[in-house]
Amino acid sequence: MRVEWLPWMSWIPITLLLGGSPGSGPQPPTLDGPPPVEDVVTEHAQPGIDVVGSGVVSGFDHSCRLSEAGVVSCWGANDRGQLGDGTNEPRPGPVEIAGGLSVSALSAGHKRTCGLVEGRIHCWGMQTGRAPGEPAAPPQLTPTPVPGGGTFTSVSVGTQHACALAENGSAHCWGRNHAGELGDGTNESRLEPVPVVGDHRFTSISVGGDHSCGLTSEGRVFCWGSNDFGELGSEESGPSSEPRAVQGDVTFEQIDTGLNRTCGLTSDGVVHCWGANGHGALGDGTDESRPEPAAVAGDVRFSSLTVGALHVCGLSTDGIAHCWGFNGFGELGDGTTESRLEPTPVAGERTFTDLAAGAYRTCGVTGENALLCWGRDPSGAIAGAGVIRLLEPTPVGGATAGVGR
């Protein structure tokens, strides 16, 4: 285990850290010049990663696990009630959400978490749905049903919006909509889920910073919302309030979205990414953004992928975790803070069964059922008080993945 205590970081805004300001902190590599503007982000930039059945999810500064029995346990920061235990106290190890609910799908976003209970969406933490300029609603410290009817099979939470899939494969989204990220053909924010326009039927959906993408049963990807760096993957420039087909003839079995990029996994285990490429987050060996899918460099074949804010990770077919992109907080887990342009193995001779990349952190479950995290730990919940960088996989509160029954 390798950690670093950085008390001086507790007051420094993330925008400064990622903007390359002077100091000894975790500065992004300059590559061939100053940091790309797309990677100057704030704490309001966090993608969502969803699981159905069981698995681990990571938000901006918290993580949760959904057990096979439908029990949700969360840990990390809890200043907005994102852990769902009825308090706003940070937790060093997994604690069960309040209410004794049986959850079938789960997603963590920016200081909020959502899950499905008998097909109904329940969320806790910072509320979404307010329009720009409106005052923030009080946080929800326990799981609370989202307004509106309908039942759903999966859910994905982003920065300030979220989406869910109905049983017939139609997508429904709610929250902020300034870039058309709800896909309803408008730019009006919504307090409850509204249908995405078109007759698309998706098998999975993923919500990023200000864009959303859905995967069809034919392996085609459609995206909508912001397109500042080509994250929609379409030949058309500019944002879209309706789904656009990702260009190219590559078909995918899995997709995931990040702050302003999207990645897909093909049936033969090749990861393709498109959108913003600051610090090598597309993994193609360059730092050039691109609006079309490009294969990740190297000959590693992956069985799953997970996209964070500025980094991406994947599990190889033999269970080895590889990560690439920004590494200022150790979120790549290779024992350094050097960003990587290509997939790099996580330190330690471990195999993982599950992996989830958050904003500046990654968590995974090993083959021995151990629960580990690495990267930014702003609350000091894992390794102690203060701001901590975990440069290698670190046990979470001495817990195993079996916490939560």
Protein backbone atom coordinates (compact mmCIF):
# COMPACT_ATOMS: atom_id res chain seq x y z
CA MET A 1 0.00 0.00 0.00
CA ARG A 2 1.31 3.43 -0.90
CA VAL A 3 -0.43 6.60 0.25
CA GLU A 4 0.49 10.24 0.41
CA TRP A 5 -0.87 12.76 2.92
CA LEU A 6 -1.30 16.17 1.36
CA PRO A 7 -2.72 18.58 3.97
CA TRP A 8 -1.92 21.56 1.77
CA MET A 9 -4.37 20.29 -0.85
CA SER A 10 -7.47 20.55 1.32
CA TRP A 11 -8.16 24.15 0.32
CA ILE A 12 -7.01 24.12 -3.31
CA PRO A 13 -9.86 24.03 -5.86
CA ILE A 14 -9.81 21.16 -8.30
CA THR A 15 -9.86 23.69 -11.13
CA LEU A 16 -6.44 24.92 -10.01
CA LEU A 17 -4.99 21.46 -9.64
CA LEU A 18 -6.08 20.42 -13.09
CA GLY A 19 -5.33 23.78 -14.63
CA GLY A 20 -1.60 23.45 -14.08
CA SER A 21 -1.08 26.14 -11.46
CA PRO A 22 2.35 26.49 -9.85
CA GLY A 23 3.14 24.33 -6.85
CA SER A 24 4.19 20.84 -5.87
CA GLY A 25 0.75 19.28 -6.17
CA PRO A 26 -0.45 16.69 -8.69
CA GLN A 27 -0.07 18.70 -11.86
CA PRO A 28 -1.29 17.30 -15.18
CA PRO A 29 1.53 16.59 -17.61
CA THR A 30 2.03 19.36 -20.12
CA LEU A 31 2.68 16.95 -23.01
CA ASP A 32 3.30 19.35 -25.90
CA GLY A 33 2.02 22.46 -24.19
CA PRO A 34 -0.41 23.64 -21.53
CA PRO A 35 -3.15 21.29 -20.33
CA PRO A 36 -6.03 20.97 -22.82
CA VAL A 37 -8.92 23.22 -21.88
CA GLU A 38 -11.33 20.26 -21.73
CA ASP A 39 -9.56 18.95 -18.65
CA VAL A 40 -9.94 22.10 -16.57
CA VAL A 41 -12.90 20.79 -14.62
CA THR A 42 -14.68 21.57 -11.39
CA GLU A 43 -16.28 19.43 -8.75
CA HIS A 44 -19.44 19.52 -10.87
CA ALA A 45 -18.03 17.15 -13.45
CA GLN A 46 -18.66 13.50 -12.84
CA PRO A 47 -19.92 10.71 -15.03
CA GLY A 48 -22.18 7.89 -14.03
CA ILE A 49 -21.48 4.19 -14.16
CA ASP A 50 -24.36 1.81 -13.70
CA VAL A 51 -24.61 -1.84 -12.75
CA VAL A 52 -27.51 -4.25 -12.95
CA GLY A 53 -27.66 -7.23 -10.61
CA SER A 54 -24.49 -6.65 -8.60
CA GLY A 55 -21.23 -4.74 -8.76
CA VAL A 56 -19.29 -1.65 -7.70
CA VAL A 57 -19.96 1.96 -8.76
CA SER A 58 -17.94 5.12 -8.11
CA GLY A 59 -19.09 8.74 -8.04
CA PHE A 60 -17.14 11.95 -7.57
CA ASP A 61 -15.99 11.26 -4.02
CA HIS A 62 -17.92 8.18 -2.94
CA SER A 63 -18.42 4.59 -4.01
CA CYS A 64 -21.09 1.95 -3.48
CA ARG A 65 -21.51 -1.76 -3.90
CA LEU A 66 -24.65 -3.63 -4.91
CA SER A 67 -24.66 -7.19 -3.60
CA GLU A 68 -26.30 -10.13 -5.31
CA ALA A 69 -28.95 -9.98 -2.58
CA GLY A 70 -29.86 -6.43 -3.59
CA VAL A 71 -28.24 -4.71 -0.60
CA VAL A 72 -26.46 -1.39 -1.23
CA SER A 73 -23.46 -0.38 0.91
CA CYS A 74 -21.59 2.91 0.37
CA TRP A 75 -18.41 4.58 1.64
CA GLY A 76 -16.41 7.78 1.20
CA ALA A 77 -17.53 11.41 1.37
CA ASN A 78 -21.09 12.06 2.52
CA ASP A 79 -21.46 15.84 2.67
CA ARG A 80 -24.63 15.73 0.55
CA GLY A 81 -25.99 12.46 1.86
CA GLN A 82 -24.67 10.53 -1.14
CA LEU A 83 -24.10 7.44 1.03
CA GLY A 84 -27.81 7.21 1.81
CA ASP A 85 -27.42 6.18 5.46
CA GLY A 86 -29.43 9.11 6.84
CA THR A 87 -26.37 11.14 7.85
CA ASN A 88 -23.81 13.42 6.26
CA GLU A 89 -20.83 11.78 7.98
CA PRO A 90 -18.02 10.29 5.84
CA ARG A 91 -17.52 6.56 6.14
CA PRO A 92 -14.17 4.73 5.89
CA GLY A 93 -15.89 1.46 5.02
CA PRO A 94 -19.18 0.31 3.48
CA VAL A 95 -22.38 1.15 5.39
CA GLU A 96 -25.83 0.04 4.26
CA ILE A 97 -28.26 2.60 2.94
CA ALA A 98 -31.29 3.37 5.07
CA GLY A 99 -34.64 1.68 4.62
CA GLY A 100 -33.62 -1.93 4.09
CA LEU A 101 -34.47 -1.65 0.38
CA SER A 102 -33.86 -4.40 -2.16
CA VAL A 103 -32.14 -2.76 -5.13
CA SER A 104 -31.79 -4.29 -8.61
CA ALA A 105 -29.64 -1.64 -10.36
CA LEU A 106 -27.34 1.10 -9.13
CA SER A 107 -25.42 4.17 -10.35
CA ALA A 108 -23.29 6.85 -8.65
CA GLY A 109 -22.78 10.34 -10.04
CA HIS A 110 -21.75 13.73 -8.73
CA LYS A 111 -22.63 13.61 -5.00
CA ARG A 112 -25.72 11.53 -5.69
CA THR A 113 -26.65 7.90 -6.07
CA CYS A 114 -29.67 6.26 -7.68
CA GLY A 115 -31.03 2.74 -7.60
CA LEU A 116 -34.06 0.78 -8.74
CA VAL A 117 -36.47 -0.64 -6.17
CA GLU A 118 -39.09 -2.88 -7.79
CA GLY A 119 -38.42 -0.95 -10.98
CA ARG A 120 -38.99 2.47 -9.42
CA ILE A 121 -36.15 5.00 -9.34
CA HIS A 122 -34.94 6.03 -5.89
CA CYS A 123 -32.15 8.60 -5.43
CA TRP A 124 -30.23 10.09 -2.52
CA GLY A 125 -27.70 12.87 -2.10
CA MET A 126 -27.64 16.12 -4.05
CA GLN A 127 -30.88 16.53 -5.98
CA THR A 128 -30.88 16.94 -9.73
CA GLY A 129 -33.38 18.58 -12.01
CA ARG A 130 -32.93 22.27 -11.24
CA ALA A 131 -32.43 24.70 -14.10
CA PRO A 132 -29.30 26.89 -14.28
CA GLY A 133 -29.59 29.78 -11.82
CA GLU A 134 -32.19 28.08 -9.61
CA PRO A 135 -31.29 27.51 -5.95
CA ALA A 136 -30.20 24.01 -5.03
CA ALA A 137 -32.81 21.84 -3.37
CA PRO A 138 -31.97 20.33 0.03
CA PRO A 139 -30.01 17.06 -0.21
CA GLN A 140 -31.81 13.79 0.38
CA LEU A 141 -30.06 11.79 3.08
CA THR A 142 -32.01 8.59 2.43
CA PRO A 143 -33.35 6.91 -0.74
CA THR A 144 -36.31 8.91 -2.07
CA PRO A 145 -38.56 8.02 -5.04
CA VAL A 146 -38.08 10.18 -8.14
CA PRO A 147 -41.31 11.89 -9.28
CA GLY A 148 -43.16 10.37 -12.20
CA GLY A 149 -44.46 6.94 -12.99
CA GLY A 150 -43.09 3.99 -14.91
CA THR A 151 -40.83 1.09 -14.12
CA PHE A 152 -37.26 0.70 -15.32
CA THR A 153 -34.54 -1.92 -15.71
CA SER A 154 -31.37 0.19 -15.40
CA VAL A 155 -30.30 3.69 -14.36
CA SER A 156 -27.26 5.91 -14.97
CA VAL A 157 -26.40 9.14 -13.13
CA GLY A 158 -24.19 11.93 -14.46
CA THR A 159 -23.18 15.41 -13.39
CA GLN A 160 -26.58 17.09 -13.22
CA HIS A 161 -28.79 14.69 -15.14
CA ALA A 162 -29.66 11.01 -15.20
CA CYS A 163 -31.30 8.48 -17.51
CA ALA A 164 -33.04 5.14 -17.13
CA LEU A 165 -34.18 2.38 -19.47
CA ALA A 166 -37.76 1.14 -19.50
CA GLU A 167 -38.62 -2.53 -19.95
CA ASN A 168 -39.20 -1.97 -23.69
CA GLY A 169 -35.74 -0.44 -24.12
CA SER A 170 -36.88 3.16 -24.42
CA ALA A 171 -34.70 5.75 -22.68
CA HIS A 172 -36.06 8.31 -20.24
CA CYS A 173 -33.98 11.17 -18.78
CA TRP A 174 -34.36 13.97 -16.24
CA GLY A 175 -32.35 16.82 -14.73
CA ARG A 176 -30.47 19.69 -16.30
CA ASN A 177 -30.80 19.98 -20.07
CA HIS A 178 -28.77 22.98 -21.23
CA ALA A 179 -26.95 20.97 -23.94
CA GLY A 180 -29.81 18.66 -24.89
CA GLU A 181 -28.46 15.88 -22.68
CA LEU A 182 -31.99 14.66 -21.90
CA GLY A 183 -32.55 13.87 -25.58
CA ASP A 184 -36.17 15.04 -25.61
CA GLY A 185 -35.65 17.52 -28.44
CA THR A 186 -35.55 20.54 -26.11
CA ASN A 187 -33.20 22.36 -23.76
CA GLU A 188 -35.70 22.46 -20.90
CA SER A 189 -34.68 20.94 -17.58
CA ARG A 190 -37.01 18.26 -16.22
CA LEU A 191 -37.85 17.23 -12.66
CA GLU A 192 -39.04 13.79 -13.70
CA PRO A 193 -38.05 11.32 -16.45
CA VAL A 194 -39.16 12.20 -19.97
CA PRO A 195 -38.81 9.96 -23.06
CA VAL A 196 -35.86 10.38 -25.39
CA VAL A 197 -37.20 11.21 -28.86
CA GLY A 198 -37.18 8.65 -31.65
CA ASP A 199 -38.07 4.98 -31.71
CA HIS A 200 -34.70 3.74 -30.47
CA ARG A 201 -34.61 0.67 -28.25
CA PHE A 202 -31.51 0.29 -26.13
CA THR A 203 -30.01 -2.60 -24.19
CA SER A 204 -27.91 -0.28 -22.00
CA ILE A 205 -27.49 3.44 -21.36
CA SER A 206 -24.66 5.54 -19.95
CA VAL A 207 -24.66 9.17 -18.79
CA GLY A 208 -21.56 11.36 -18.94
CA GLY A 209 -20.89 14.97 -17.99
CA ASP A 210 -23.31 16.73 -20.34
CA HIS A 211 -24.04 13.92 -22.79
CA SER A 212 -25.72 10.52 -22.83
CA CYS A 213 -25.33 7.41 -24.98
CA GLY A 214 -27.36 4.28 -25.59
CA LEU A 215 -26.39 0.89 -27.04
CA THR A 216 -28.79 -1.07 -29.24
CA SER A 217 -29.10 -4.84 -29.52
CA GLU A 218 -27.35 -4.57 -32.91
CA GLY A 219 -24.29 -3.04 -31.24
CA ARG A 220 -24.89 0.45 -32.58
CA VAL A 221 -24.32 3.49 -30.35
CA PHE A 222 -26.45 6.63 -30.34
CA CYS A 223 -25.47 9.73 -28.32
CA TRP A 224 -27.00 13.11 -27.54
CA GLY A 225 -26.13 16.28 -25.61
CA SER A 226 -22.88 18.27 -25.55
CA ASN A 227 -20.39 17.65 -28.35
CA ASP A 228 -17.63 20.13 -27.59
CA PHE A 229 -14.88 17.53 -28.06
CA GLY A 230 -16.57 15.00 -30.33
CA GLU A 231 -18.00 12.91 -27.47
CA LEU A 232 -21.13 12.19 -29.51
CA GLY A 233 -18.99 10.45 -32.12
CA SER A 234 -21.05 11.76 -35.01
CA GLU A 235 -20.06 13.38 -38.28
CA GLU A 236 -22.12 16.44 -37.35
CA SER A 237 -20.56 19.10 -35.14
CA GLY A 238 -22.30 20.91 -32.31
CA PRO A 239 -24.63 19.63 -29.58
CA SER A 240 -27.75 17.62 -30.24
CA SER A 241 -30.98 17.34 -28.26
CA GLU A 242 -31.82 14.14 -30.15
CA PRO A 243 -29.89 10.85 -30.54
CA ARG A 244 -27.20 10.76 -33.25
CA ALA A 245 -25.59 7.59 -34.54
CA VAL A 246 -21.89 7.20 -33.75
CA GLN A 247 -19.96 7.16 -37.01
CA GLY A 248 -18.09 4.13 -38.33
CA ASP A 249 -18.98 0.50 -38.79
CA VAL A 250 -17.65 -0.79 -35.45
CA THR A 251 -20.25 -2.51 -33.28
CA PHE A 252 -20.01 -2.80 -29.51
CA GLU A 253 -21.08 -5.06 -26.68
CA GLN A 254 -20.57 -2.51 -23.90
CA ILE A 255 -20.33 1.28 -23.67
CA ASP A 256 -19.46 3.77 -20.94
CA THR A 257 -19.25 7.56 -20.87
CA GLY A 258 -17.00 9.99 -19.02
CA LEU A 259 -16.86 13.71 -18.51
CA ASN A 260 -16.53 14.48 -22.24
CA ARG A 261 -15.59 11.18 -23.85
CA THR A 262 -17.20 7.84 -24.66
CA CYS A 263 -15.72 4.34 -24.96
CA GLY A 264 -17.04 1.06 -26.29
CA LEU A 265 -15.94 -2.57 -26.04
CA THR A 266 -16.19 -4.86 -29.06
CA SER A 267 -16.98 -8.57 -29.04
CA ASP A 268 -13.30 -9.40 -29.61
CA GLY A 269 -12.19 -7.41 -26.54
CA VAL A 270 -10.95 -4.22 -28.21
CA VAL A 271 -11.74 -0.88 -26.57
CA HIS A 272 -12.49 2.10 -28.81
CA CYS A 273 -12.83 5.65 -27.45
CA TRP A 274 -13.78 9.05 -28.84
CA GLY A 275 -14.08 12.63 -27.57
CA ALA A 276 -11.69 14.61 -25.37
CA ASN A 277 -8.17 13.16 -25.14
CA GLY A 278 -6.40 15.33 -22.58
CA HIS A 279 -3.67 13.34 -20.81
CA GLY A 280 -4.25 10.38 -23.10
CA ALA A 281 -7.69 9.41 -21.83
CA LEU A 282 -8.60 7.86 -25.20
CA GLY A 283 -5.69 5.45 -24.79
CA ASP A 284 -4.61 5.58 -28.43
CA GLY A 285 -1.07 6.74 -27.66
CA THR A 286 -1.77 10.41 -28.41
CA ASP A 287 -3.35 13.41 -26.70
CA GLU A 288 -5.40 14.43 -29.75
CA SER A 289 -9.16 14.61 -29.34
CA ARG A 290 -11.19 12.84 -32.01
CA PRO A 291 -14.89 12.63 -32.95
CA GLU A 292 -14.74 9.04 -34.22
CA PRO A 293 -14.02 5.75 -32.42
CA ALA A 294 -10.31 4.87 -32.31
CA ALA A 295 -8.88 1.63 -30.96
CA VAL A 296 -6.92 1.77 -27.71
CA ALA A 297 -3.21 1.10 -28.26
CA GLY A 298 -1.60 -2.23 -27.43
CA ASP A 299 -2.64 -5.85 -27.76
CA VAL A 300 -4.51 -6.24 -24.46
CA ARG A 301 -7.94 -7.80 -24.84
CA PHE A 302 -10.55 -6.62 -22.36
CA SER A 303 -13.64 -8.18 -20.84
CA SER A 304 -15.07 -4.94 -19.40
CA LEU A 305 -14.38 -1.20 -19.29
CA THR A 306 -15.18 1.72 -16.99
CA VAL A 307 -14.75 5.43 -17.76
CA GLY A 308 -14.02 8.06 -15.12
CA ALA A 309 -13.83 11.83 -15.46
CA LEU A 310 -10.32 11.99 -16.91
CA HIS A 311 -9.21 8.35 -16.96
CA VAL A 312 -10.37 4.97 -18.21
CA CYS A 313 -9.82 1.48 -16.85
CA GLY A 314 -10.54 -2.00 -18.12
CA LEU A 315 -10.26 -5.60 -17.02
CA SER A 316 -8.28 -7.83 -19.33
CA THR A 317 -9.64 -11.26 -20.15
CA ASP A 318 -7.33 -12.72 -17.47
CA GLY A 319 -8.64 -10.33 -14.79
CA ILE A 320 -5.73 -7.86 -14.74
CA ALA A 321 -6.75 -4.21 -14.28
CA HIS A 322 -5.31 -1.70 -16.74
CA CYS A 323 -5.85 2.08 -16.66
CA TRP A 324 -4.87 5.08 -18.75
CA GLY A 325 -5.33 8.87 -18.86
CA PHE A 326 -4.92 11.44 -16.08
CA ASN A 327 -3.10 10.18 -12.98
CA GLY A 328 -2.56 13.24 -10.80
CA PHE A 329 -4.20 11.56 -7.80
CA GLY A 330 -3.01 8.02 -8.45
CA GLU A 331 -6.28 6.93 -10.04
CA LEU A 332 -4.39 4.67 -12.48
CA GLY A 333 -3.05 2.68 -9.53
CA ASP A 334 0.41 2.09 -10.96
CA GLY A 335 2.24 3.62 -7.98
CA THR A 336 2.93 6.95 -9.71
CA THR A 337 1.20 10.21 -10.57
CA GLU A 338 2.29 10.10 -14.21
CA SER A 339 -0.48 10.21 -16.77
CA ARG A 340 -0.45 7.41 -19.34
CA LEU A 341 -1.33 7.53 -23.04
CA GLU A 342 -1.83 3.76 -23.26
CA PRO A 343 -3.21 1.02 -20.98
CA THR A 344 -0.92 0.44 -17.99
CA PRO A 345 -1.29 -2.44 -15.50
CA VAL A 346 -2.40 -1.57 -11.98
CA ALA A 347 0.32 -2.27 -9.41
CA GLY A 348 0.33 -5.59 -7.59
CA GLU A 349 -0.22 -9.11 -8.79
CA ARG A 350 -3.98 -9.15 -8.36
CA THR A 351 -6.87 -10.25 -10.48
CA PHE A 352 -10.17 -8.41 -10.29
CA THR A 353 -13.74 -9.46 -10.94
CA ASP A 354 -15.19 -5.94 -10.98
CA LEU A 355 -13.89 -2.42 -11.52
CA ALA A 356 -15.40 1.09 -11.32
CA ALA A 357 -13.70 4.38 -12.25
CA GLY A 358 -15.01 7.54 -10.61
CA ALA A 359 -13.88 11.14 -10.91
CA TYR A 360 -10.32 10.79 -9.66
CA ARG A 361 -10.52 7.36 -8.06
CA THR A 362 -11.00 3.73 -8.97
CA CYS A 363 -12.38 0.85 -6.92
CA GLY A 364 -12.42 -2.86 -7.59
CA VAL A 365 -13.22 -6.29 -6.20
CA THR A 366 -10.42 -8.85 -6.37
CA GLY A 367 -10.68 -12.53 -7.11
CA GLU A 368 -10.23 -13.07 -3.35
CA ASN A 369 -13.30 -10.90 -2.70
CA ALA A 370 -11.28 -7.99 -1.28
CA LEU A 371 -12.58 -4.46 -1.81
CA LEU A 372 -9.81 -2.02 -2.87
CA CYS A 373 -9.68 1.62 -3.99
CA TRP A 374 -6.99 3.95 -5.29
CA GLY A 375 -6.74 7.60 -6.34
CA ARG A 376 -8.22 10.68 -4.68
CA ASP A 377 -9.74 10.27 -1.21
CA PRO A 378 -10.90 13.83 -0.41
CA SER A 379 -12.60 12.95 2.87
CA GLY A 380 -9.74 10.83 4.16
CA ALA A 381 -12.34 8.11 4.63
CA ILE A 382 -10.07 5.27 3.55
CA ALA A 383 -6.60 6.05 4.86
CA GLY A 384 -7.19 8.64 7.59
CA ALA A 385 -7.87 12.34 8.12
CA GLY A 386 -6.72 14.90 5.56
CA VAL A 387 -6.58 14.73 1.79
CA ILE A 388 -5.06 11.48 0.66
CA ARG A 389 -3.71 10.21 -2.63
CA LEU A 390 -3.77 6.42 -2.78
CA LEU A 391 -1.21 5.54 -5.44
CA GLU A 392 -1.83 1.80 -5.33
CA PRO A 393 -4.85 -0.40 -4.53
CA THR A 394 -5.69 0.05 -0.84
CA PRO A 395 -8.13 -1.98 1.33
CA VAL A 396 -11.35 -0.11 2.09
CA GLY A 397 -11.85 0.07 5.83
CA GLY A 398 -10.62 -3.49 6.17
CA ALA A 399 -13.81 -4.55 4.41
CA THR A 400 -14.37 -7.28 1.88
CA ALA A 401 -16.73 -7.20 -1.05
CA GLY A 402 -19.13 -9.36 0.93
CA VAL A 403 -20.20 -6.45 3.14
CA GLY A 404 -23.91 -5.93 2.86
CA ARG A 405 -24.91 -9.62 2.71
